[in-house]
C-alpha atoms as a PDB file:
ATOM      1  CA  MET A   1    -149.494 -99.313 -29.902  1.00  0.00           C
ATOM      2  CA  ALA A   2    -151.576 -98.143 -32.870  1.00  0.00           C
ATOM      3  CA  THR A   3    -152.816-100.869 -35.174  1.00  0.00           C
ATOM      4  CA  ASN A   4    -152.805-100.609 -38.946  1.00  0.00           C
ATOM      5  CA  SER A   5    -156.516 -99.942 -38.758  1.00  0.00           C
ATOM      6  CA  ASP A   6    -155.990 -97.075 -36.312  1.00  0.00           C
ATOM      7  CA  GLN A   7    -153.288 -95.563 -38.507  1.00  0.00           C
ATOM      8  CA  LEU A   8    -155.582 -95.755 -41.519  1.00  0.00           C
ATOM      9  CA  LYS A   9    -158.323 -93.945 -39.621  1.00  0.00           C
ATOM     10  CA  ILE A  10    -155.845 -91.223 -38.646  1.00  0.00           C
ATOM     11  CA  LEU A  11    -154.760 -90.778 -42.261  1.00  0.00           C
ATOM     12  CA  ILE A  12    -158.373 -90.667 -43.469  1.00  0.00           C
ATOM     13  CA  ARG A  13    -159.319 -88.064 -40.869  1.00  0.00           C
ATOM     14  CA  ALA A  14    -156.235 -85.956 -41.696  1.00  0.00           C
ATOM     15  CA  GLU A  15    -157.092 -85.940 -45.420  1.00  0.00           C
ATOM     16  CA  SER A  16    -160.756 -85.212 -44.635  1.00  0.00           C
ATOM     17  CA  ASP A  17    -159.772 -82.327 -42.341  1.00  0.00           C
ATOM     18  CA  LYS A  18    -157.528 -80.896 -45.045  1.00  0.00           C
ATOM     19  CA  CYS A  19    -160.433 -80.801 -47.528  1.00  0.00           C
ATOM     20  CA  SER A  20    -162.747 -79.385 -44.849  1.00  0.00           C
ATOM     21  CA  ASP A  21    -160.313 -76.597 -44.030  1.00  0.00           C
ATOM     22  CA  LYS A  22    -160.249 -75.659 -47.704  1.00  0.00           C
ATOM     23  CA  ALA A  23    -164.068 -75.702 -47.766  1.00  0.00           C
ATOM     24  CA  LEU A  24    -164.265 -73.434 -44.713  1.00  0.00           C
ATOM     25  CA  GLU A  25    -161.982 -70.944 -46.418  1.00  0.00           C
ATOM     26  CA  PHE A  26    -164.274 -70.910 -49.460  1.00  0.00           C
ATOM     27  CA  GLU A  27    -167.222 -70.354 -47.117  1.00  0.00           C
ATOM     28  CA  ARG A  28    -165.523 -67.354 -45.508  1.00  0.00           C
ATOM     29  CA  LEU A  29    -165.076 -65.898 -48.997  1.00  0.00           C
ATOM     30  CA  GLY A  30    -168.728 -66.523 -49.858  1.00  0.00           C
ATOM     31  CA  GLN A  31    -167.732 -69.022 -52.552  1.00  0.00           C
ATOM     32  CA  PHE A  32    -170.351 -71.622 -51.651  1.00  0.00           C
ATOM     33  CA  GLN A  33    -170.235 -73.669 -54.847  1.00  0.00           C
ATOM     34  CA  GLU A  34    -166.494 -74.192 -54.420  1.00  0.00           C
ATOM     35  CA  ALA A  35    -167.080 -74.999 -50.731  1.00  0.00           C
ATOM     36  CA  VAL A  36    -169.591 -77.703 -51.696  1.00  0.00           C
ATOM     37  CA  ALA A  37    -167.029 -79.261 -54.037  1.00  0.00           C
ATOM     38  CA  ALA A  38    -164.420 -79.267 -51.263  1.00  0.00           C
ATOM     39  CA  TYR A  39    -166.838 -80.860 -48.789  1.00  0.00           C
ATOM     40  CA  GLU A  40    -167.672 -83.515 -51.378  1.00  0.00           C
ATOM     41  CA  ALA A  41    -163.956 -84.279 -51.653  1.00  0.00           C
ATOM     42  CA  ALA A  42    -163.802 -84.611 -47.865  1.00  0.00           C
ATOM     43  CA  LEU A  43    -166.802 -86.951 -47.885  1.00  0.00           C
ATOM     44  CA  THR A  44    -165.212 -89.097 -50.567  1.00  0.00           C
ATOM     45  CA  VAL A  45    -162.448 -89.749 -48.075  1.00  0.00           C
ATOM     46  CA  ASP A  46    -164.628 -89.933 -44.947  1.00  0.00           C
ATOM     47  CA  PRO A  47    -168.369 -90.398 -45.721  1.00  0.00           C
ATOM     48  CA  SER A  48    -169.194 -91.084 -42.071  1.00  0.00           C
ATOM     49  CA  HIS A  49    -168.376 -87.543 -40.844  1.00  0.00           C
ATOM     50  CA  ALA A  50    -171.706 -86.045 -39.756  1.00  0.00           C
ATOM     51  CA  LEU A  51    -170.573 -82.419 -39.493  1.00  0.00           C
ATOM     52  CA  ILE A  52    -169.112 -82.421 -43.001  1.00  0.00           C
ATOM     53  CA  TRP A  53    -172.514 -83.521 -44.307  1.00  0.00           C
ATOM     54  CA  CYS A  54    -174.047 -80.729 -42.234  1.00  0.00           C
ATOM     55  CA  ASN A  55    -171.586 -78.129 -43.532  1.00  0.00           C
ATOM     56  CA  LYS A  56    -172.161 -79.205 -47.114  1.00  0.00           C
ATOM     57  CA  GLY A  57    -175.898 -78.821 -46.531  1.00  0.00           C
ATOM     58  CA  SER A  58    -175.391 -75.310 -45.144  1.00  0.00           C
ATOM     59  CA  CYS A  59    -173.507 -74.278 -48.285  1.00  0.00           C
ATOM     60  CA  LEU A  60    -176.243 -75.705 -50.485  1.00  0.00           C
ATOM     61  CA  ALA A  61    -178.835 -73.800 -48.444  1.00  0.00           C
ATOM     62  CA  GLU A  62    -176.859 -70.584 -48.955  1.00  0.00           C
ATOM     63  CA  GLN A  63    -177.415 -71.141 -52.685  1.00  0.00           C
ATOM     64  CA  GLY A  64    -181.156 -71.704 -52.218  1.00  0.00           C
ATOM     65  CA  ARG A  65    -180.799 -75.436 -52.940  1.00  0.00           C
ATOM     66  CA  PHE A  66    -182.930 -76.470 -49.966  1.00  0.00           C
ATOM     67  CA  GLU A  67    -184.000 -79.932 -51.112  1.00  0.00           C
ATOM     68  CA  GLU A  68    -180.372 -80.936 -51.676  1.00  0.00           C
ATOM     69  CA  ALA A  69    -179.422 -79.324 -48.381  1.00  0.00           C
ATOM     70  CA  LEU A  70    -182.115 -81.318 -46.600  1.00  0.00           C
ATOM     71  CA  ASP A  71    -180.713 -84.561 -48.020  1.00  0.00           C
ATOM     72  CA  CYS A  72    -177.356 -83.662 -46.485  1.00  0.00           C
ATOM     73  CA  PHE A  73    -178.862 -82.778 -43.111  1.00  0.00           C
ATOM     74  CA  ASN A  74    -180.815 -86.043 -43.059  1.00  0.00           C
ATOM     75  CA  ARG A  75    -177.620 -87.956 -43.798  1.00  0.00           C
ATOM     76  CA  ALA A  76    -175.864 -86.040 -41.000  1.00  0.00           C
ATOM     77  CA  ALA A  77    -178.680 -86.838 -38.543  1.00  0.00           C
ATOM     78  CA  SER A  78    -178.464 -90.524 -39.410  1.00  0.00           C
ATOM     79  CA  LEU A  79    -174.815 -90.403 -38.324  1.00  0.00           C
ATOM     80  CA  ASP A  80    -175.252 -88.173 -35.261  1.00  0.00           C
ATOM     81  CA  SER A  81    -178.804 -87.657 -34.038  1.00  0.00           C
ATOM     82  CA  MET A  82    -177.745 -85.674 -30.947  1.00  0.00           C
ATOM     83  CA  HIS A  83    -175.957 -82.715 -32.556  1.00  0.00           C
ATOM     84  CA  PRO A  84    -178.146 -79.589 -32.205  1.00  0.00           C
ATOM     85  CA  ALA A  85    -176.646 -77.798 -35.230  1.00  0.00           C
ATOM     86  CA  ILE A  86    -177.806 -80.595 -37.510  1.00  0.00           C
ATOM     87  CA  TRP A  87    -181.407 -80.275 -36.331  1.00  0.00           C
ATOM     88  CA  ALA A  88    -181.264 -76.466 -36.422  1.00  0.00           C
ATOM     89  CA  ASN A  89    -180.123 -76.571 -40.038  1.00  0.00           C
ATOM     90  CA  THR A  90    -182.762 -79.187 -40.850  1.00  0.00           C
ATOM     91  CA  GLY A  91    -185.430 -76.914 -39.398  1.00  0.00           C
ATOM     92  CA  SER A  92    -184.183 -73.946 -41.418  1.00  0.00           C
ATOM     93  CA  ALA A  93    -184.255 -75.894 -44.694  1.00  0.00           C
ATOM     94  CA  LEU A  94    -187.748 -77.236 -43.973  1.00  0.00           C
ATOM     95  CA  ARG A  95    -188.996 -73.765 -43.073  1.00  0.00           C
ATOM     96  CA  ASN A  96    -187.626 -72.392 -46.344  1.00  0.00           C
ATOM     97  CA  LEU A  97    -189.514 -75.187 -48.120  1.00  0.00           C
ATOM     98  CA  ASN A  98    -192.670 -74.143 -46.196  1.00  0.00           C
ATOM     99  CA  ARG A  99    -192.827 -77.548 -44.501  1.00  0.00           C
ATOM    100  CA  LEU A 100    -193.624 -75.848 -41.243  1.00  0.00           C
ATOM    101  CA  GLU A 101    -194.838 -78.718 -39.069  1.00  0.00           C
ATOM    102  CA  GLU A 102    -191.701 -80.720 -39.887  1.00  0.00           C
ATOM    103  CA  ALA A 103    -189.554 -77.640 -39.291  1.00  0.00           C
ATOM    104  CA  LEU A 104    -191.167 -77.164 -35.879  1.00  0.00           C
ATOM    105  CA  GLU A 105    -190.384 -80.778 -34.959  1.00  0.00           C
ATOM    106  CA  SER A 106    -186.731 -80.222 -35.889  1.00  0.00           C
ATOM    107  CA  TYR A 107    -186.502 -77.037 -33.823  1.00  0.00           C
ATOM    108  CA  ARG A 108    -188.107 -78.820 -30.873  1.00  0.00           C
ATOM    109  CA  ARG A 109    -185.361 -81.434 -31.121  1.00  0.00           C
ATOM    110  CA  VAL A 110    -182.809 -78.628 -30.800  1.00  0.00           C
ATOM    111  CA  VAL A 111    -184.300 -77.356 -27.536  1.00  0.00           C
ATOM    112  CA  ALA A 112    -184.628 -80.903 -26.233  1.00  0.00           C
ATOM    113  CA  ILE A 113    -180.925 -81.516 -26.849  1.00  0.00           C
ATOM    114  CA  ALA A 114    -179.567 -78.051 -26.009  1.00  0.00           C
ATOM    115  CA  PRO A 115    -182.193 -75.815 -24.351  1.00  0.00           C
ATOM    116  CA  ASP A 116    -179.612 -73.077 -23.693  1.00  0.00           C
ATOM    117  CA  ARG A 117    -178.427 -72.930 -27.310  1.00  0.00           C
ATOM    118  CA  GLN A 118    -178.534 -69.399 -28.706  1.00  0.00           C
ATOM    119  CA  GLU A 119    -181.784 -68.710 -30.619  1.00  0.00           C
ATOM    120  CA  ALA A 120    -183.047 -72.267 -30.077  1.00  0.00           C
ATOM    121  CA  TRP A 121    -186.343 -71.139 -28.527  1.00  0.00           C
ATOM    122  CA  ALA A 122    -186.526 -68.181 -30.893  1.00  0.00           C
ATOM    123  CA  GLN A 123    -186.530 -70.536 -33.877  1.00  0.00           C
ATOM    124  CA  VAL A 124    -189.370 -72.507 -32.301  1.00  0.00           C
ATOM    125  CA  GLY A 125    -191.197 -69.202 -31.878  1.00  0.00           C
ATOM    126  CA  TYR A 126    -190.662 -68.074 -35.475  1.00  0.00           C
ATOM    127  CA  CYS A 127    -191.996 -71.389 -36.743  1.00  0.00           C
ATOM    128  CA  LEU A 128    -195.056 -71.246 -34.492  1.00  0.00           C
ATOM    129  CA  PHE A 129    -195.636 -67.679 -35.646  1.00  0.00           C
ATOM    130  CA  ASP A 130    -195.561 -68.828 -39.289  1.00  0.00           C
ATOM    131  CA  LEU A 131    -198.147 -71.462 -38.318  1.00  0.00           C
ATOM    132  CA  LYS A 132    -200.299 -68.691 -36.789  1.00  0.00           C
ATOM    133  CA  ARG A 133    -200.078 -70.369 -33.386  1.00  0.00           C
ATOM    134  CA  TYR A 134    -199.477 -67.028 -31.724  1.00  0.00           C
ATOM    135  CA  ASP A 135    -200.024 -67.969 -28.062  1.00  0.00           C
ATOM    136  CA  GLU A 136    -197.449 -70.747 -28.339  1.00  0.00           C
ATOM    137  CA  ALA A 137    -195.088 -68.479 -30.268  1.00  0.00           C
ATOM    138  CA  ILE A 138    -195.257 -65.876 -27.491  1.00  0.00           C
ATOM    139  CA  GLU A 139    -194.408 -68.545 -24.914  1.00  0.00           C
ATOM    140  CA  ALA A 140    -191.386 -69.655 -26.981  1.00  0.00           C
ATOM    141  CA  PHE A 141    -190.164 -66.053 -27.335  1.00  0.00           C
ATOM    142  CA  GLU A 142    -190.477 -65.635 -23.576  1.00  0.00           C
ATOM    143  CA  PHE A 143    -188.269 -68.699 -23.028  1.00  0.00           C
ATOM    144  CA  GLU A 144    -185.690 -67.189 -25.393  1.00  0.00           C
ATOM    145  CA  LEU A 145    -185.852 -63.797 -23.651  1.00  0.00           C
ATOM    146  CA  LYS A 146    -185.233 -65.460 -20.286  1.00  0.00           C
ATOM    147  CA  ARG A 147    -182.064 -66.888 -21.794  1.00  0.00           C
ATOM    148  CA  ASP A 148    -181.105 -63.660 -23.564  1.00  0.00           C
ATOM    149  CA  PRO A 149    -183.064 -60.555 -22.503  1.00  0.00           C
ATOM    150  CA  ARG A 150    -181.144 -58.471 -25.059  1.00  0.00           C
ATOM    151  CA  ASP A 151    -182.535 -60.097 -28.199  1.00  0.00           C
ATOM    152  CA  PRO A 152    -184.339 -57.313 -30.112  1.00  0.00           C
ATOM    153  CA  GLU A 153    -185.719 -59.659 -32.791  1.00  0.00           C
ATOM    154  CA  CYS A 154    -187.528 -61.692 -30.139  1.00  0.00           C
ATOM    155  CA  TYR A 155    -189.145 -58.595 -28.648  1.00  0.00           C
ATOM    156  CA  LEU A 156    -190.260 -57.521 -32.119  1.00  0.00           C
ATOM    157  CA  GLU A 157    -191.747 -60.892 -33.075  1.00  0.00           C
ATOM    158  CA  LYS A 158    -193.391 -61.272 -29.673  1.00  0.00           C
ATOM    159  CA  GLY A 159    -194.906 -57.815 -30.125  1.00  0.00           C
ATOM    160  CA  ILE A 160    -196.279 -58.659 -33.575  1.00  0.00           C
ATOM    161  CA  ALA A 161    -197.751 -61.916 -32.229  1.00  0.00           C
ATOM    162  CA  LEU A 162    -199.413 -60.025 -29.357  1.00  0.00           C
ATOM    163  CA  LYS A 163    -200.914 -57.527 -31.801  1.00  0.00           C
ATOM    164  CA  ARG A 164    -202.279 -60.376 -33.938  1.00  0.00           C
ATOM    165  CA  LEU A 165    -204.095 -61.537 -30.797  1.00  0.00           C
ATOM    166  CA  GLY A 166    -205.475 -58.037 -30.172  1.00  0.00           C
ATOM    167  CA  ARG A 167    -203.228 -57.496 -27.147  1.00  0.00           C
ATOM    168  CA  ILE A 168    -202.051 -54.170 -28.512  1.00  0.00           C
ATOM    169  CA  LYS A 169    -200.895 -52.461 -25.305  1.00  0.00           C
ATOM    170  CA  GLU A 170    -198.690 -55.461 -24.494  1.00  0.00           C
ATOM    171  CA  ALA A 171    -197.352 -55.342 -28.047  1.00  0.00           C
ATOM    172  CA  ILE A 172    -196.296 -51.714 -27.563  1.00  0.00           C
ATOM    173  CA  VAL A 173    -194.397 -52.690 -24.407  1.00  0.00           C
ATOM    174  CA  CYS A 174    -192.442 -55.222 -26.499  1.00  0.00           C
ATOM    175  CA  TYR A 175    -191.736 -52.672 -29.223  1.00  0.00           C
ATOM    176  CA  ASP A 176    -190.438 -50.243 -26.577  1.00  0.00           C
ATOM    177  CA  GLU A 177    -188.120 -52.926 -25.188  1.00  0.00           C
ATOM    178  CA  CYS A 178    -186.924 -53.633 -28.719  1.00  0.00           C
ATOM    179  CA  LEU A 179    -186.258 -49.933 -29.374  1.00  0.00           C
ATOM    180  CA  LYS A 180    -184.075 -49.727 -26.259  1.00  0.00           C
ATOM    181  CA  LEU A 181    -181.832 -52.314 -27.924  1.00  0.00           C
ATOM    182  CA  ALA A 182    -182.253 -51.267 -31.567  1.00  0.00           C
ATOM    183  CA  PRO A 183    -183.328 -47.590 -31.601  1.00  0.00           C
ATOM    184  CA  ASP A 184    -182.585 -47.151 -35.307  1.00  0.00           C
ATOM    185  CA  SER A 185    -184.706 -50.085 -36.540  1.00  0.00           C
ATOM    186  CA  PRO A 186    -187.307 -48.714 -38.974  1.00  0.00           C
ATOM    187  CA  ILE A 187    -189.429 -51.877 -38.885  1.00  0.00           C
ATOM    188  CA  VAL A 188    -189.878 -51.561 -35.117  1.00  0.00           C
ATOM    189  CA  TRP A 189    -190.927 -47.912 -35.374  1.00  0.00           C
ATOM    190  CA  LYS A 190    -193.340 -48.943 -38.150  1.00  0.00           C
ATOM    191  CA  ASN A 191    -194.927 -51.655 -36.007  1.00  0.00           C
ATOM    192  CA  LYS A 192    -195.225 -49.352 -33.011  1.00  0.00           C
ATOM    193  CA  VAL A 193    -196.941 -46.742 -35.194  1.00  0.00           C
ATOM    194  CA  ILE A 194    -199.446 -49.341 -36.467  1.00  0.00           C
ATOM    195  CA  ALA A 195    -200.249 -50.327 -32.867  1.00  0.00           C
ATOM    196  CA  LEU A 196    -200.699 -46.707 -31.767  1.00  0.00           C
ATOM    197  CA  LEU A 197    -203.008 -46.024 -34.730  1.00  0.00           C
ATOM    198  CA  ALA A 198    -205.099 -49.057 -33.740  1.00  0.00           C
ATOM    199  CA  LEU A 199    -205.475 -47.537 -30.247  1.00  0.00           C
ATOM    200  CA  GLU A 200    -206.295 -44.110 -31.772  1.00  0.00           C
ATOM    201  CA  ARG A 201    -203.300 -42.598 -29.992  1.00  0.00           C
ATOM    202  CA  TYR A 202    -202.658 -40.329 -32.945  1.00  0.00           C
ATOM    203  CA  GLU A 203    -200.314 -37.750 -31.427  1.00  0.00           C
ATOM    204  CA  GLU A 204    -198.014 -40.522 -30.167  1.00  0.00           C
ATOM    205  CA  ALA A 205    -198.186 -42.189 -33.577  1.00  0.00           C
ATOM    206  CA  ILE A 206    -197.080 -38.933 -35.237  1.00  0.00           C
ATOM    207  CA  ALA A 207    -194.159 -38.597 -32.816  1.00  0.00           C
ATOM    208  CA  CYS A 208    -193.087 -42.194 -33.565  1.00  0.00           C
ATOM    209  CA  CYS A 209    -193.294 -41.541 -37.291  1.00  0.00           C
ATOM    210  CA  ASP A 210    -191.007 -38.540 -36.881  1.00  0.00           C
ATOM    211  CA  HIS A 211    -188.466 -40.673 -34.981  1.00  0.00           C
ATOM    212  CA  GLY A 212    -188.661 -43.507 -37.499  1.00  0.00           C
ATOM    213  CA  LEU A 213    -188.208 -41.162 -40.465  1.00  0.00           C
ATOM    214  CA  CYS A 214    -184.612 -40.640 -39.386  1.00  0.00           C
ATOM    215  CA  PHE A 215    -183.739 -44.242 -40.258  1.00  0.00           C
ATOM    216  CA  GLY A 216    -184.063 -46.890 -42.875  1.00  0.00           C
ATOM    217  CA  PRO A 217    -184.502 -47.252 -46.617  1.00  0.00           C
ATOM    218  CA  THR A 218    -186.888 -45.267 -48.798  1.00  0.00           C
ATOM    219  CA  ILE A 219    -189.754 -47.775 -48.644  1.00  0.00           C
ATOM    220  CA  TYR A 220    -189.925 -47.590 -44.835  1.00  0.00           C
ATOM    221  CA  ARG A 221    -189.894 -43.808 -44.847  1.00  0.00           C
ATOM    222  CA  ALA A 222    -192.684 -43.791 -47.443  1.00  0.00           C
ATOM    223  CA  ASP A 223    -194.666 -46.207 -45.230  1.00  0.00           C
ATOM    224  CA  LEU A 224    -194.179 -44.017 -42.170  1.00  0.00           C
ATOM    225  CA  LEU A 225    -195.201 -40.877 -44.043  1.00  0.00           C
ATOM    226  CA  ASN A 226    -198.350 -42.695 -45.118  1.00  0.00           C
ATOM    227  CA  ASP A 227    -199.071 -43.635 -41.505  1.00  0.00           C
ATOM    228  CA  LYS A 228    -198.368 -40.084 -40.344  1.00  0.00           C
ATOM    229  CA  GLY A 229    -200.802 -38.851 -42.974  1.00  0.00           C
ATOM    230  CA  LEU A 230    -203.477 -41.202 -41.626  1.00  0.00           C
ATOM    231  CA  ALA A 231    -202.906 -39.971 -38.065  1.00  0.00           C
ATOM    232  CA  LEU A 232    -203.088 -36.327 -39.148  1.00  0.00           C
ATOM    233  CA  LYS A 233    -206.254 -37.030 -41.142  1.00  0.00           C
ATOM    234  CA  ALA A 234    -207.843 -38.590 -38.043  1.00  0.00           C
ATOM    235  CA  LEU A 235    -206.994 -35.370 -36.173  1.00  0.00           C
ATOM    236  CA  LYS A 236    -208.636 -33.319 -38.989  1.00  0.00           C
ATOM    237  CA  ARG A 237    -205.285 -31.764 -39.917  1.00  0.00           C
ATOM    238  CA  LEU A 238    -205.959 -32.372 -43.587  1.00  0.00           C
ATOM    239  CA  SER A 239    -203.447 -30.045 -45.237  1.00  0.00           C
ATOM    240  CA  GLU A 240    -200.628 -31.530 -43.131  1.00  0.00           C
ATOM    241  CA  ALA A 241    -201.842 -35.027 -44.006  1.00  0.00           C
ATOM    242  CA  LEU A 242    -201.818 -34.162 -47.712  1.00  0.00           C
ATOM    243  CA  ASN A 243    -198.269 -32.859 -47.365  1.00  0.00           C
ATOM    244  CA  CYS A 244    -197.191 -36.200 -45.835  1.00  0.00           C
ATOM    245  CA  HIS A 245    -198.574 -38.176 -48.765  1.00  0.00           C
ATOM    246  CA  ASP A 246    -196.885 -35.778 -51.200  1.00  0.00           C
ATOM    247  CA  ARG A 247    -193.556 -36.246 -49.427  1.00  0.00           C
ATOM    248  CA  ALA A 248    -194.021 -40.020 -49.474  1.00  0.00           C
ATOM    249  CA  LEU A 249    -194.781 -40.052 -53.194  1.00  0.00           C
ATOM    250  CA  ALA A 250    -191.743 -37.898 -53.874  1.00  0.00           C
ATOM    251  CA  LEU A 251    -189.701 -40.636 -52.212  1.00  0.00           C
ATOM    252  CA  HIS A 252    -191.612 -43.549 -53.766  1.00  0.00           C
ATOM    253  CA  PRO A 253    -193.894 -42.566 -56.684  1.00  0.00           C
ATOM    254  CA  LYS A 254    -195.288 -46.104 -57.002  1.00  0.00           C
ATOM    255  CA  HIS A 255    -196.343 -46.495 -53.371  1.00  0.00           C
ATOM    256  CA  VAL A 256    -199.912 -47.782 -53.805  1.00  0.00           C
ATOM    257  CA  LEU A 257    -201.112 -47.084 -50.254  1.00  0.00           C
ATOM    258  CA  ASN A 258    -199.993 -43.465 -50.450  1.00  0.00           C
ATOM    259  CA  LEU A 259    -201.686 -43.051 -53.825  1.00  0.00           C
ATOM    260  CA  GLN A 260    -204.863 -44.592 -52.404  1.00  0.00           C
ATOM    261  CA  ASN A 261    -204.882 -42.543 -49.220  1.00  0.00           C
ATOM    262  CA  LYS A 262    -204.064 -39.318 -51.050  1.00  0.00           C
ATOM    263  CA  ALA A 263    -207.054 -39.985 -53.360  1.00  0.00           C
ATOM    264  CA  VAL A 264    -209.329 -40.473 -50.335  1.00  0.00           C
ATOM    265  CA  LEU A 265    -208.021 -37.274 -48.775  1.00  0.00           C
ATOM    266  CA  LEU A 266    -208.498 -35.275 -51.976  1.00  0.00           C
ATOM    267  CA  HIS A 267    -212.072 -36.550 -52.168  1.00  0.00           C
ATOM    268  CA  GLN A 268    -212.649 -35.419 -48.581  1.00  0.00           C
ATOM    269  CA  LEU A 269    -211.356 -31.979 -49.609  1.00  0.00           C
ATOM    270  CA  GLY A 270    -213.837 -31.895 -52.491  1.00  0.00           C
ATOM    271  CA  LYS A 271    -211.157 -32.307 -55.182  1.00  0.00           C
ATOM    272  CA  TYR A 272    -212.909 -35.150 -56.994  1.00  0.00           C
ATOM    273  CA  ASP A 273    -211.123 -34.987 -60.346  1.00  0.00           C
ATOM    274  CA  GLU A 274    -207.726 -35.037 -58.656  1.00  0.00           C
ATOM    275  CA  ALA A 275    -208.858 -37.936 -56.463  1.00  0.00           C
ATOM    276  CA  ILE A 276    -209.816 -39.962 -59.540  1.00  0.00           C
ATOM    277  CA  ALA A 277    -206.449 -39.236 -61.139  1.00  0.00           C
ATOM    278  CA  TYR A 278    -204.719 -40.762 -58.110  1.00  0.00           C
ATOM    279  CA  ASP A 279    -207.142 -43.714 -58.132  1.00  0.00           C
ATOM    280  CA  GLU A 280    -206.093 -44.398 -61.701  1.00  0.00           C
ATOM    281  CA  ARG A 281    -202.395 -44.162 -60.898  1.00  0.00           C
ATOM    282  CA  ALA A 282    -202.869 -46.684 -58.098  1.00  0.00           C
ATOM    283  CA  LEU A 283    -204.908 -49.013 -60.313  1.00  0.00           C
ATOM    284  CA  GLN A 284    -202.193 -49.036 -62.962  1.00  0.00           C
ATOM    285  CA  LEU A 285    -199.908 -50.517 -60.306  1.00  0.00           C
ATOM    286  CA  ASP A 286    -202.467 -52.824 -58.639  1.00  0.00           C
ATOM    287  CA  PRO A 287    -205.350 -53.481 -61.065  1.00  0.00           C
ATOM    288  CA  ASP A 288    -206.860 -56.317 -59.005  1.00  0.00           C
ATOM    289  CA  ASN A 289    -207.221 -54.285 -55.804  1.00  0.00           C
ATOM    290  CA  ALA A 290    -210.942 -54.269 -55.008  1.00  0.00           C
ATOM    291  CA  GLY A 291    -210.581 -51.423 -52.516  1.00  0.00           C
ATOM    292  CA  LEU A 292    -209.131 -49.141 -55.183  1.00  0.00           C
ATOM    293  CA  TRP A 293    -212.057 -49.867 -57.528  1.00  0.00           C
ATOM    294  CA  LYS A 294    -214.554 -49.160 -54.720  1.00  0.00           C
ATOM    295  CA  ASN A 295    -212.858 -45.846 -53.942  1.00  0.00           C
ATOM    296  CA  LYS A 296    -212.884 -44.840 -57.589  1.00  0.00           C
ATOM    297  CA  ALA A 297    -216.610 -45.662 -57.760  1.00  0.00           C
ATOM    298  CA  ILE A 298    -217.284 -43.386 -54.763  1.00  0.00           C
ATOM    299  CA  HIS A 299    -215.260 -40.570 -56.304  1.00  0.00           C
ATOM    300  CA  LEU A 300    -216.986 -40.910 -59.676  1.00  0.00           C
ATOM    301  CA  LYS A 301    -220.425 -40.806 -58.019  1.00  0.00           C
ATOM    302  CA  SER A 302    -219.469 -37.514 -56.369  1.00  0.00           C
ATOM    303  CA  LEU A 303    -219.108 -36.087 -59.891  1.00  0.00           C
ATOM    304  CA  GLY A 304    -222.411 -37.589 -61.000  1.00  0.00           C
ATOM    305  CA  ARG A 305    -220.663 -40.097 -63.292  1.00  0.00           C
ATOM    306  CA  THR A 306    -222.916 -42.942 -62.164  1.00  0.00           C
ATOM    307  CA  GLU A 307    -222.481 -45.287 -65.130  1.00  0.00           C
ATOM    308  CA  GLU A 308    -218.695 -45.247 -64.793  1.00  0.00           C
ATOM    309  CA  ALA A 309    -219.071 -45.671 -61.041  1.00  0.00           C
ATOM    310  CA  GLU A 310    -221.234 -48.753 -61.561  1.00  0.00           C
ATOM    311  CA  LEU A 311    -218.605 -50.288 -63.838  1.00  0.00           C
ATOM    312  CA  CYS A 312    -216.001 -49.750 -61.109  1.00  0.00           C
ATOM    313  CA  THR A 313    -218.293 -51.318 -58.511  1.00  0.00           C
ATOM    314  CA  ARG A 314    -218.727 -54.385 -60.700  1.00  0.00           C
ATOM    315  CA  ARG A 315    -214.992 -54.634 -61.207  1.00  0.00           C
ATOM    316  CA  ALA A 316    -214.503 -54.532 -57.446  1.00  0.00           C
ATOM    317  CA  ARG A 317    -216.765 -57.588 -57.109  1.00  0.00           C
ATOM    318  CA  THR A 318    -214.866 -59.731 -59.630  1.00  0.00           C
END
């Protein structure tokens, strides 16, 4: 037979669940501020409910209020230290606050509690990657891929980590695996192109650029056209390279790398005045870029404008 105390607990939990259900509905609608208010009402009734603290923290995090979110996650962990979602959310908040070592510790708690949890090892890997601990990050991504070999994000991040370590051929293998799962991902095509350029496999890089140009927003297509221009330039196909940079700038007139590389190409073609005009356009967008000042100095010297070139060289040093 239920005691008065038991009945009170049942009533408290029922009222708390009612407020939580309302909060979840607000969450589904993307109304996170209203959800926070509903969770606070639930916690007024039942302040010892760990998952409500966790859910409130998640809604605060959705609003970019990471310090407040972290307070909620810490309160949740004090009530239930063995729930993996609490530690996963703690890690996410800490990572957003750039407290990476603490975030890593939280993610390691997740894998200790629930090693088969979806993305648990991936989150460890992302954090290690942010810490530039690439060997360890690769190992974490491999654990995640054993659990879920169809995770394209893991293949991508593993590939980028491998490239950072100079293991470029292995990186390309990862990008290829990723493209099997996400063939229309412009960022993967972009990373594969960068790796192929590093290996001087220019024809393959051009083919990848052409595939990648079918997908993605304007900025990615402008990036790929820039990379295609670099590959064509390396193959001495200068007019085709120039056409790529023109196409890129038609898409994105303020793309500094395309402006810079078009200037270099124009200089190579002996069009020094035009090269300087593109140097100046790039410098209007990125006036502290030392490389742009150095290029302008080179182009000015080609016209015999040595005093102006010297001023540009000095600016590059500051």
